[in-house]
Every structure is written in C-alpha cells, then in structure tokens.
C-alpha cells in the first residue's frame, strides 16, 4: 500500500544508527574525490547503484530512511482493512481482502530486505517504529468506519500509492527498484478490486450509494496529502531527484493523480468533495482546492485519530510473536549444529 512523499523530517532513530558504512574520512582526499566522481557518473548515466558499490553516506542514509518508512507503511497499512476481514459482506469479498492484506505484509518484507542491503538491520528498523521514532504514512491513522471505506482505500489510497510507486521502479538504487516492480503489479490489482467493489455498491440502493459518497468525502483530501507537502516546502526533494531516488515531484504526482481520478469518479457516479475542482483548458489539467496541511502535519506528528491505536497494535503483534521468533532461531541453530557435525 504505502505511501506519502518520503521527504518528511528525518527523526533520529530511523534504523540507520550503528551500521557499518564506508566513511569518506577513512580515505585520502584524492580517493574520496575519485569515488564521488564515479558515483556521480553512474547517477548521470542512469545506471543502478548496487549494495557493494561505494555511495555517499548521505545517499545511504536517505535510502534507509525512505525504504524503512515505506516498509513500515506497508505493515501498518494492513490494519485499517484487516479490521474488516471478519465483517466482509460475502465470502468472495472476504477472500479478496485476505489476499490483499497478505500482499501488504509481503511488500513490507520485500522492503525491509532491501533496506538491510544498506547495512541496517530488521531489529533496528522495527525498534525505531515501535518506539515512535520512525514514521509511516499518515493515511493509515484514520479509521475505516464502514465497508465502503475498504473500497475507497483500494481505489483512492492504493491509486495514490501506485502513482507514487511506479517512478520508484526506476529508482537509482537497484534492490529498491527491483522490489518495487513486484509491489506495483500487486498494487494495481488492489486498486482495481477496490474500484470494482465501489461499482457494485453504486448499483445498489440509496443507502449504499450514500455510504460510498460519505467514504469518498472523508478520504479524498487525505489522499491528496499523501503525495507530501508542496514542492516549495519539500527541502529534500531536489537532492532526491538529483540522486535518482525520486523521479517526479510531489506536486506533479498529485496533479497526475487528480487528472486520472476525476474521470473514474464520473464513471462511478460520485462527486469529489472539492468545489474548486474544474478542468483548466489552458493548463490541460484539473484545478483543485487547497489541502489542509495543518491536519496533515498534526497527524504526522502523532495527533491523528488512530496514531496511538495503530502503534499499540503493531507493538502487541511484535510481542505476541516473540515465541515464534525464538522457535525459529532455535531451529536454525540446531540445523547449523547438525551441518557442522556432518561436515566434521
């Protein structure tokens, strides 16, 4: 699922501390300059940077921050919809939702693995999440009040995620780019199933149609905020784009999402809650109203309606799974000892 723009403030504790990396200070100045020049040439040639390649420390830290936050968002993003698995209106919808939530968990694992190639550990990243030091997408700090919310999350939230994530398939860091190829394929299914669920509801009675419209009204502006602050207020975007981590700016991604979504809303037969939304012939794009950035930052800073609940649920799941991790570790130890004996 994911995501909002990942150029938010980088709090200490993203999971990057204590990792072993190549230090510029450990090399002579000519060596450092040569390594930097080689890295810059690779970026300029649009080639992939791989884990064993030299990279600037700032590039590595930016990636650890972004990929770990992305992974956290996938894992926490299982919760709003997982809440509806036992209450899905049919066996078909239950099976689809189970598969979708499982996909999100898998996305988190792909991304944690990609982040580990940068020298951080799974435990460091999860400790940062559970302690509240690391961020995840603020969109998941809102409740899913009825079944229509599940469809709207699939259509709008996953639709915004796809718009954000497709450019990441061309990210300059190889493991991240390759992980995103599979993630995007699965997210495209998530978006289609959400839209199809809403199409079915919009063919129902007036109460069902009203439920869909209510859910769209509550989620629309939150989805627009997912792309992150305006470019003028995104100080890290320029460097991210220079490194090839970020390919398209926040505002351009947001505009692409609005332009793609308006015709879909028209097919559904719902209205988007923005009186300023209209086609601008001169620009060739839809104009739209102002986003409530005060609400966005309040939620990012831990004051959303479900922040505490989401984090507490993740911590409980981690603690409840301690025996599984201990058993797996013990089994791995026994297997290693057996191999040593056989080799002796």
Protein backbone atom coordinates (compact mmCIF):
# COMPACT_ATOMS: atom_id res chain seq x y z
CA UNK A 1 0.00 0.00 0.00
CA UNK A 2 2.01 2.91 1.24
CA UNK A 3 2.69 5.93 0.94
CA UNK A 4 3.20 9.55 1.13
CA UNK A 5 6.17 11.50 -0.09
CA UNK A 6 9.18 10.43 1.90
CA UNK A 7 10.90 13.77 2.21
CA UNK A 8 9.40 14.41 5.63
CA UNK A 9 11.65 15.35 8.56
CA UNK A 10 14.06 12.51 9.27
CA UNK A 11 13.85 11.83 13.02
CA UNK A 12 16.77 10.20 14.77
CA UNK A 13 16.22 6.51 15.03
CA UNK A 14 15.18 5.51 11.52
CA UNK A 15 17.22 2.41 11.94
CA UNK A 16 20.39 3.76 10.39
CA UNK A 17 22.39 4.16 13.59
CA UNK A 18 25.22 1.85 14.38
CA UNK A 19 25.56 0.43 10.87
CA UNK A 20 28.93 -0.12 9.30
CA UNK A 21 29.48 2.01 6.23
CA UNK A 22 32.36 3.31 4.18
CA UNK A 23 33.47 6.64 5.58
CA UNK A 24 34.89 9.40 3.47
CA UNK A 25 37.10 10.29 6.41
CA UNK A 26 38.80 6.90 6.18
CA UNK A 27 40.15 7.67 2.70
CA UNK A 28 42.57 10.17 1.30
CA UNK A 29 41.10 13.19 -0.43
CA UNK A 30 42.05 12.03 -3.98
CA UNK A 31 40.48 8.61 -3.31
CA UNK A 32 37.32 10.23 -1.97
CA UNK A 33 37.06 12.55 -4.95
CA UNK A 34 37.54 9.65 -7.35
CA UNK A 35 34.82 7.61 -5.64
CA UNK A 36 32.44 10.55 -5.65
CA UNK A 37 33.14 11.21 -9.32
CA UNK A 38 32.48 7.54 -10.16
CA UNK A 39 29.20 7.62 -8.21
CA UNK A 40 28.10 10.86 -9.90
CA UNK A 41 28.90 9.40 -13.33
CA UNK A 42 26.78 6.35 -12.57
CA UNK A 43 23.85 8.54 -11.50
CA UNK A 44 24.22 10.76 -14.57
CA UNK A 45 24.22 7.68 -16.81
CA UNK A 46 21.03 6.46 -15.10
CA UNK A 47 22.74 3.26 -14.00
CA UNK A 48 21.79 1.29 -10.90
CA UNK A 49 23.74 1.59 -7.67
CA UNK A 50 24.15 -1.84 -6.05
CA UNK A 51 24.83 -2.75 -2.38
CA UNK A 52 28.56 -3.39 -2.88
CA UNK A 53 29.09 -0.13 -4.75
CA UNK A 54 30.55 2.88 -2.98
CA UNK A 55 27.94 5.51 -2.18
CA UNK A 56 27.93 8.80 -0.26
CA UNK A 57 26.82 8.46 3.33
CA UNK A 58 24.01 10.98 2.77
CA UNK A 59 22.67 8.86 -0.13
CA UNK A 60 22.72 5.73 2.02
CA UNK A 61 21.00 7.44 4.96
CA UNK A 62 18.33 8.89 2.67
CA UNK A 63 17.60 5.43 1.29
CA UNK A 64 17.48 3.80 4.73
CA UNK A 65 15.04 6.49 5.85
CA UNK A 66 12.85 6.19 2.76
CA UNK A 67 12.81 2.41 2.35
CA UNK A 68 12.28 1.70 6.06
CA UNK A 69 9.44 4.24 6.22
CA UNK A 70 7.95 2.64 3.13
CA UNK A 71 8.20 -0.81 4.75
CA UNK A 72 6.60 0.45 7.98
CA UNK A 73 3.75 1.92 5.93
CA UNK A 74 3.07 -1.43 4.28
CA UNK A 75 2.95 -3.25 7.61
CA UNK A 76 0.85 -0.66 9.43
CA UNK A 77 -1.30 -0.36 6.30
CA UNK A 78 -2.56 -3.90 6.90
CA UNK A 79 -4.52 -2.74 9.94
CA UNK A 80 -7.32 -0.48 8.61
CA UNK A 81 -8.54 -3.11 6.14
CA UNK A 82 -7.64 -6.14 8.24
CA UNK A 83 -10.24 -4.84 10.67
CA UNK A 84 -12.92 -5.71 8.09
CA UNK A 85 -11.90 -9.28 7.18
CA UNK A 86 -14.32 -10.83 9.67
CA UNK A 87 -17.11 -8.46 8.58
CA UNK A 88 -16.80 -8.63 4.79
CA UNK A 89 -20.25 -8.84 3.16
CA UNK A 90 -19.58 -12.07 1.24
CA UNK A 91 -17.15 -14.99 1.01
CA UNK A 92 -15.80 -13.53 -2.24
CA UNK A 93 -15.05 -10.16 -0.63
CA UNK A 94 -13.51 -11.88 2.39
CA UNK A 95 -11.16 -13.94 0.21
CA UNK A 96 -10.13 -10.87 -1.81
CA UNK A 97 -9.48 -8.85 1.34
CA UNK A 98 -7.44 -11.63 2.98
CA UNK A 99 -5.26 -11.86 -0.13
CA UNK A 100 -4.86 -8.08 -0.26
CA UNK A 101 -3.80 -7.78 3.38
CA UNK A 102 -1.35 -10.66 2.92
CA UNK A 103 0.11 -8.85 -0.08
CA UNK A 104 0.74 -5.77 2.05
CA UNK A 105 2.64 -7.84 4.59
CA UNK A 106 4.74 -9.29 1.79
CA UNK A 107 5.50 -5.82 0.46
CA UNK A 108 6.81 -4.85 3.88
CA UNK A 109 9.12 -7.88 3.92
CA UNK A 110 10.49 -7.10 0.43
CA UNK A 111 11.25 -3.56 1.54
CA UNK A 112 12.82 -4.46 4.88
CA UNK A 113 15.08 -6.82 2.95
CA UNK A 114 16.01 -4.04 0.51
CA UNK A 115 16.84 -1.71 3.41
CA UNK A 116 19.02 -4.38 5.02
CA UNK A 117 21.30 -4.32 1.97
CA UNK A 118 22.28 -0.80 3.10
CA UNK A 119 23.74 -2.02 6.38
CA UNK A 120 20.84 -1.53 8.78
CA UNK A 121 19.07 -4.44 10.47
CA UNK A 122 15.44 -5.52 10.72
CA UNK A 123 15.58 -5.17 14.51
CA UNK A 124 16.89 -1.60 14.28
CA UNK A 125 14.13 -0.59 11.89
CA UNK A 126 11.36 -2.20 13.93
CA UNK A 127 12.72 -0.78 17.18
CA UNK A 128 12.54 2.68 15.61
CA UNK A 129 8.94 2.04 14.53
CA UNK A 130 7.80 0.63 17.87
CA UNK A 131 9.44 3.42 19.85
CA UNK A 132 7.68 6.05 17.74
CA UNK A 133 10.92 7.46 16.32
CA UNK A 134 10.28 6.26 12.76
CA UNK A 135 7.38 7.48 10.64
CA UNK A 136 4.90 5.68 8.41
CA UNK A 137 2.31 7.06 6.03
CA UNK A 138 -0.15 9.25 7.94
CA UNK A 139 -3.06 7.98 5.80
CA UNK A 140 -3.24 4.87 7.97
CA UNK A 141 -4.04 6.87 11.08
CA UNK A 142 -7.69 7.24 10.10
CA UNK A 143 -10.50 4.78 10.87
CA UNK A 144 -12.38 2.59 8.40
CA UNK A 145 -15.94 3.29 9.51
CA UNK A 146 -17.87 1.09 7.08
CA UNK A 147 -17.44 -1.33 4.17
CA UNK A 148 -17.32 1.48 1.61
CA UNK A 149 -14.11 2.69 3.27
CA UNK A 150 -12.44 -0.56 2.23
CA UNK A 151 -13.38 0.03 -1.40
CA UNK A 152 -12.28 3.67 -1.25
CA UNK A 153 -8.92 2.68 0.25
CA UNK A 154 -8.44 0.30 -2.67
CA UNK A 155 -9.46 2.89 -5.25
CA UNK A 156 -8.03 6.14 -3.87
CA UNK A 157 -5.34 5.21 -1.33
CA UNK A 158 -3.86 2.41 -3.43
CA UNK A 159 -4.39 4.52 -6.54
CA UNK A 160 -2.30 7.30 -4.99
CA UNK A 161 0.25 4.71 -3.89
CA UNK A 162 0.62 3.40 -7.45
CA UNK A 163 1.08 6.93 -8.75
CA UNK A 164 3.86 7.39 -6.18
CA UNK A 165 5.43 3.97 -6.61
CA UNK A 166 5.67 3.45 -10.37
CA UNK A 167 8.50 6.02 -10.64
CA UNK A 168 10.30 4.12 -7.86
CA UNK A 169 10.68 1.18 -10.25
CA UNK A 170 13.32 3.40 -11.89
CA UNK A 171 14.98 4.37 -8.60
CA UNK A 172 18.76 4.56 -8.82
CA UNK A 173 19.22 2.00 -6.02
CA UNK A 174 18.89 -1.46 -7.56
CA UNK A 175 17.36 -3.52 -4.71
CA UNK A 176 14.67 -0.89 -4.09
CA UNK A 177 13.81 -0.55 -7.79
CA UNK A 178 13.53 -4.33 -8.25
CA UNK A 179 11.34 -4.76 -5.17
CA UNK A 180 9.01 -2.07 -6.45
CA UNK A 181 8.35 -3.88 -9.74
CA UNK A 182 6.50 -6.68 -7.96
CA UNK A 183 4.90 -4.33 -5.45
CA UNK A 184 3.42 -2.20 -8.24
CA UNK A 185 2.00 -5.22 -10.06
CA UNK A 186 0.16 -6.30 -6.91
CA UNK A 187 -0.94 -2.78 -6.03
CA UNK A 188 -2.54 -2.39 -9.45
CA UNK A 189 -4.76 -5.36 -8.59
CA UNK A 190 -5.60 -3.79 -5.24
CA UNK A 191 -6.70 -0.59 -6.94
CA UNK A 192 -8.88 -2.42 -9.47
CA UNK A 193 -10.61 -4.58 -6.88
CA UNK A 194 -11.39 -1.52 -4.75
CA UNK A 195 -12.87 0.30 -7.71
CA UNK A 196 -14.92 -2.76 -8.72
CA UNK A 197 -16.28 -3.08 -5.17
CA UNK A 198 -17.46 0.54 -5.33
CA UNK A 199 -19.04 0.00 -8.76
CA UNK A 200 -21.11 -2.82 -7.27
CA UNK A 201 -22.19 -0.67 -4.32
CA UNK A 202 -23.16 2.19 -6.64
CA UNK A 203 -25.58 -0.18 -8.37
CA UNK A 204 -27.27 -0.84 -5.04
CA UNK A 205 -29.83 1.08 -3.01
CA UNK A 206 -29.71 4.70 -1.92
CA UNK A 207 -28.16 3.83 1.45
CA UNK A 208 -25.26 2.04 -0.26
CA UNK A 209 -24.69 4.93 -2.64
CA UNK A 210 -24.71 7.36 0.26
CA UNK A 211 -22.19 5.18 2.08
CA UNK A 212 -19.80 5.36 -0.88
CA UNK A 213 -20.17 9.13 -1.21
CA UNK A 214 -19.56 9.58 2.52
CA UNK A 215 -16.37 7.50 2.37
CA UNK A 216 -15.09 9.43 -0.66
CA UNK A 217 -15.80 12.71 1.14
CA UNK A 218 -13.71 11.60 4.13
CA UNK A 219 -10.76 10.15 2.22
CA UNK A 220 -10.31 12.44 -0.81
CA UNK A 221 -8.31 15.24 0.78
CA UNK A 222 -6.25 12.81 2.86
CA UNK A 223 -5.25 11.03 -0.35
CA UNK A 224 -4.15 14.28 -1.99
CA UNK A 225 -1.95 14.96 1.05
CA UNK A 226 -0.30 11.54 0.60
CA UNK A 227 1.95 13.00 -2.10
CA UNK A 228 3.62 15.17 0.51
CA UNK A 229 4.00 18.91 1.02
CA UNK A 230 4.08 21.30 -1.95
CA UNK A 231 7.38 21.33 -3.80
CA UNK A 232 8.22 24.74 -2.36
CA UNK A 233 8.03 23.24 1.15
CA UNK A 234 9.88 19.98 0.37
CA UNK A 235 13.54 20.79 1.01
CA UNK A 236 14.82 17.26 0.37
CA UNK A 237 13.07 16.69 -2.96
CA UNK A 238 15.71 18.36 -5.14
CA UNK A 239 18.53 16.21 -3.76
CA UNK A 240 16.42 13.07 -4.02
CA UNK A 241 15.74 13.82 -7.67
CA UNK A 242 19.41 14.62 -8.31
CA UNK A 243 20.31 11.17 -6.97
CA UNK A 244 17.61 9.45 -8.99
CA UNK A 245 15.80 8.22 -5.87
CA UNK A 246 12.82 10.44 -6.57
CA UNK A 247 11.79 10.84 -10.20
CA UNK A 248 8.73 13.10 -10.15
CA UNK A 249 7.98 16.00 -7.80
CA UNK A 250 5.21 15.93 -5.18
CA UNK A 251 3.06 18.49 -6.99
CA UNK A 252 3.42 16.78 -10.38
CA UNK A 253 2.45 13.41 -8.90
CA UNK A 254 -0.54 14.97 -7.15
CA UNK A 255 -1.68 16.59 -10.41
CA UNK A 256 -1.36 13.28 -12.29
CA UNK A 257 -3.47 11.60 -9.64
CA UNK A 258 -6.23 14.24 -9.79
CA UNK A 259 -6.30 14.14 -13.60
CA UNK A 260 -6.58 10.33 -13.60
CA UNK A 261 -9.15 10.11 -10.81
CA UNK A 262 -11.77 12.64 -11.94
CA UNK A 263 -12.92 10.56 -14.95
CA UNK A 264 -13.06 7.45 -12.75
CA UNK A 265 -15.30 9.28 -10.28
CA UNK A 266 -17.58 10.28 -13.13
CA UNK A 267 -17.96 6.64 -14.18
CA UNK A 268 -18.75 5.69 -10.59
CA UNK A 269 -21.38 8.39 -10.37
CA UNK A 270 -19.96 10.09 -7.29
CA UNK A 271 -18.80 13.66 -6.77
CA UNK A 272 -15.40 14.61 -5.40
CA UNK A 273 -15.69 17.00 -2.40
CA UNK A 274 -13.95 20.00 -3.94
CA UNK A 275 -15.99 22.96 -5.22
CA UNK A 276 -12.86 24.33 -6.92
CA UNK A 277 -12.29 21.17 -8.95
CA UNK A 278 -12.64 22.02 -12.64
CA UNK A 279 -10.86 21.48 -15.94
CA UNK A 280 -8.39 24.18 -16.93
CA UNK A 281 -8.20 24.23 -20.72
CA UNK A 282 -5.15 26.47 -20.75
CA UNK A 283 -3.12 24.23 -18.43
CA UNK A 284 -4.53 20.99 -19.76
CA UNK A 285 -5.12 19.82 -16.18
CA UNK A 286 -7.76 19.93 -13.47
CA UNK A 287 -7.53 22.77 -10.97
CA UNK A 288 -8.26 21.79 -7.37
CA UNK A 289 -8.67 23.43 -3.99
CA UNK A 290 -6.35 23.91 -1.04
CA UNK A 291 -5.26 20.97 1.11
CA UNK A 292 -5.49 21.27 4.89
CA UNK A 293 -1.80 20.95 5.69
CA UNK A 294 -2.40 21.70 9.38
CA UNK A 295 -4.36 18.45 9.68
CA UNK A 296 -1.69 16.60 7.71
CA UNK A 297 1.17 17.73 9.96
CA UNK A 298 -0.87 17.16 13.10
CA UNK A 299 -1.40 13.53 12.06
CA UNK A 300 2.23 13.09 11.00
CA UNK A 301 3.27 14.35 14.45
CA UNK A 302 1.17 11.72 16.22
CA UNK A 303 -2.12 13.51 16.81
CA UNK A 304 -4.36 11.70 14.31
CA UNK A 305 -7.45 9.77 15.42
CA UNK A 306 -5.73 6.36 15.28
CA UNK A 307 -1.99 7.02 15.77
CA UNK A 308 -1.79 5.54 19.25
CA UNK A 309 -4.04 2.61 18.35
CA UNK A 310 -2.04 1.68 15.25
CA UNK A 311 1.30 1.77 17.05
CA UNK A 312 -0.02 -0.15 20.05
CA UNK A 313 -1.41 -2.85 17.76
CA UNK A 314 1.93 -3.25 15.99
CA UNK A 315 3.83 -3.44 19.29
CA UNK A 316 1.41 -6.05 20.64
CA UNK A 317 1.74 -8.15 17.47
CA UNK A 318 5.53 -7.99 17.77
CA UNK A 319 5.48 -9.01 21.43
CA UNK A 320 2.94 -11.78 20.85
CA UNK A 321 5.17 -13.20 18.11
CA UNK A 322 8.26 -13.46 20.31
CA UNK A 323 7.80 -17.22 20.79
CA UNK A 324 7.68 -17.76 17.03
CA UNK A 325 10.94 -15.87 16.50
CA UNK A 326 12.55 -17.77 19.39
CA UNK A 327 11.42 -21.12 17.99
CA UNK A 328 12.66 -20.26 14.51
CA UNK A 329 16.01 -19.14 15.91
CA UNK A 330 16.37 -22.33 17.96
CA UNK A 331 15.53 -24.46 14.93
CA UNK A 332 18.06 -22.60 12.78
CA UNK A 333 20.69 -23.14 15.48
CA UNK A 334 20.01 -26.88 15.59
CA UNK A 335 20.22 -27.10 11.81
CA UNK A 336 23.54 -25.26 11.84
CA UNK A 337 24.93 -27.57 14.51
CA UNK A 338 23.78 -30.63 12.55
CA UNK A 339 25.57 -29.40 9.42
CA UNK A 340 28.75 -28.83 11.42
CA UNK A 341 28.64 -32.37 12.78
CA UNK A 342 28.01 -33.83 9.33
CA UNK A 343 30.92 -31.84 7.90
CA UNK A 344 33.30 -32.99 10.69
